[in-house]
Amino acid sequence: MDTNTAPLALLLVREMPYGKYKGQKIADLPGHYLAWFAREGFPRGELGQLLALMYELDHNALRGLLDPLRSGR
């Protein structure tokens, strides 16, 4: 894995640490939940960065970019 795909790969392994979707992989969070964070503010740190990245993928209909990484696991 190179540095260009590392953040995308993290979406597949990092889990939501709290809330309604606690334990769910960030890549699998529903769009409405990601949009809520976009409106209310993303948390600080790595979690917020990953949620913001996943929001951008979802909002721009780019979730398919994760498929090759999923199949490579």
C-alpha atoms as a PDB file:
ATOM      1  CA  MET A   1       0.000   0.000   0.000  1.00  0.00           C
ATOM      2  CA  ASP A   2       1.414   3.368  -0.960  1.00  0.00           C
ATOM      3  CA  THR A   3       0.858   6.710   0.713  1.00  0.00           C
ATOM      4  CA  ASN A   4      -1.824   7.627  -1.832  1.00  0.00           C
ATOM      5  CA  THR A   5      -4.095   4.718  -0.888  1.00  0.00           C
ATOM      6  CA  ALA A   6      -3.313   4.577   2.844  1.00  0.00           C
ATOM      7  CA  PRO A   7      -6.129   6.936   3.931  1.00  0.00           C
ATOM      8  CA  LEU A   8      -8.626   5.013   1.786  1.00  0.00           C
ATOM      9  CA  ALA A   9      -7.482   1.712   3.267  1.00  0.00           C
ATOM     10  CA  LEU A  10      -7.936   3.110   6.773  1.00  0.00           C
ATOM     11  CA  LEU A  11     -11.622   3.708   5.998  1.00  0.00           C
ATOM     12  CA  LEU A  12     -12.002  -0.069   5.690  1.00  0.00           C
ATOM     13  CA  VAL A  13     -10.408  -0.938   9.037  1.00  0.00           C
ATOM     14  CA  ARG A  14     -11.130   1.945  11.414  1.00  0.00           C
ATOM     15  CA  GLU A  15     -14.331   1.611  13.407  1.00  0.00           C
ATOM     16  CA  MET A  16     -16.625   4.309  14.668  1.00  0.00           C
ATOM     17  CA  PRO A  17     -15.687   4.542  18.370  1.00  0.00           C
ATOM     18  CA  TYR A  18     -19.004   5.898  19.684  1.00  0.00           C
ATOM     19  CA  GLY A  19     -22.602   6.717  18.902  1.00  0.00           C
ATOM     20  CA  LYS A  20     -25.357   4.911  17.065  1.00  0.00           C
ATOM     21  CA  TYR A  21     -22.898   3.249  14.680  1.00  0.00           C
ATOM     22  CA  LYS A  22     -20.251   2.318  17.249  1.00  0.00           C
ATOM     23  CA  GLY A  23     -18.145  -0.589  15.965  1.00  0.00           C
ATOM     24  CA  GLN A  24     -19.115  -0.097  12.325  1.00  0.00           C
ATOM     25  CA  LYS A  25     -16.336   0.472   9.805  1.00  0.00           C
ATOM     26  CA  ILE A  26     -16.112   4.090   8.661  1.00  0.00           C
ATOM     27  CA  ALA A  27     -16.413   2.948   5.032  1.00  0.00           C
ATOM     28  CA  ASP A  28     -19.786   1.398   5.866  1.00  0.00           C
ATOM     29  CA  LEU A  29     -21.351   4.385   7.626  1.00  0.00           C
ATOM     30  CA  PRO A  30     -24.553   5.625   5.981  1.00  0.00           C
ATOM     31  CA  GLY A  31     -24.496   8.843   3.982  1.00  0.00           C
ATOM     32  CA  HIS A  32     -27.027  10.631   6.189  1.00  0.00           C
ATOM     33  CA  TYR A  33     -24.778  10.092   9.219  1.00  0.00           C
ATOM     34  CA  LEU A  34     -21.747  11.443   7.366  1.00  0.00           C
ATOM     35  CA  ALA A  35     -23.809  14.424   6.172  1.00  0.00           C
ATOM     36  CA  TRP A  36     -24.806  15.128   9.778  1.00  0.00           C
ATOM     37  CA  PHE A  37     -21.133  15.405  10.727  1.00  0.00           C
ATOM     38  CA  ALA A  38     -20.529  17.655   7.723  1.00  0.00           C
ATOM     39  CA  ARG A  39     -23.258  20.009   8.977  1.00  0.00           C
ATOM     40  CA  GLU A  40     -22.442  19.840  12.694  1.00  0.00           C
ATOM     41  CA  GLY A  41     -18.654  19.586  12.471  1.00  0.00           C
ATOM     42  CA  PHE A  42     -16.244  16.683  12.241  1.00  0.00           C
ATOM     43  CA  PRO A  43     -14.355  15.611  15.369  1.00  0.00           C
ATOM     44  CA  ARG A  44     -10.699  16.567  15.677  1.00  0.00           C
ATOM     45  CA  GLY A  45      -7.837  14.303  14.747  1.00  0.00           C
ATOM     46  CA  GLU A  46      -7.656  11.205  12.604  1.00  0.00           C
ATOM     47  CA  LEU A  47     -11.287  10.239  13.159  1.00  0.00           C
ATOM     48  CA  GLY A  48     -12.520  13.579  11.873  1.00  0.00           C
ATOM     49  CA  GLN A  49     -10.220  13.413   8.863  1.00  0.00           C
ATOM     50  CA  LEU A  50     -11.444   9.931   7.970  1.00  0.00           C
ATOM     51  CA  LEU A  51     -15.094  10.889   8.425  1.00  0.00           C
ATOM     52  CA  ALA A  52     -14.574  13.955   6.218  1.00  0.00           C
ATOM     53  CA  LEU A  53     -12.881  11.821   3.560  1.00  0.00           C
ATOM     54  CA  MET A  54     -15.699   9.279   3.660  1.00  0.00           C
ATOM     55  CA  TYR A  55     -18.254  12.080   3.436  1.00  0.00           C
ATOM     56  CA  GLU A  56     -16.569  13.410   0.293  1.00  0.00           C
ATOM     57  CA  LEU A  57     -16.544   9.944  -1.267  1.00  0.00           C
ATOM     58  CA  ASP A  58     -20.200   9.406  -0.419  1.00  0.00           C
ATOM     59  CA  HIS A  59     -21.357  12.889  -1.410  1.00  0.00           C
ATOM     60  CA  ASN A  60     -19.621  12.645  -4.789  1.00  0.00           C
ATOM     61  CA  ALA A  61     -20.779   9.061  -5.465  1.00  0.00           C
ATOM     62  CA  LEU A  62     -17.215   7.742  -5.264  1.00  0.00           C
ATOM     63  CA  ARG A  63     -17.691   4.894  -2.768  1.00  0.00           C
ATOM     64  CA  GLY A  64     -16.715   2.566  -5.604  1.00  0.00           C
ATOM     65  CA  LEU A  65     -13.107   3.706  -5.217  1.00  0.00           C
ATOM     66  CA  LEU A  66     -12.969   1.492  -2.136  1.00  0.00           C
ATOM     67  CA  ASP A  67     -14.012  -1.681  -4.007  1.00  0.00           C
ATOM     68  CA  PRO A  68     -10.520  -2.643  -5.237  1.00  0.00           C
ATOM     69  CA  LEU A  69      -9.198  -2.215  -1.700  1.00  0.00           C
ATOM     70  CA  ARG A  70     -12.029  -4.360  -0.309  1.00  0.00           C
ATOM     71  CA  SER A  71     -11.367  -7.171  -2.755  1.00  0.00           C
ATOM     72  CA  GLY A  72      -7.650  -7.054  -2.019  1.00  0.00           C
ATOM     73  CA  ARG A  73      -8.242  -7.782   1.664  1.00  0.00           C
END
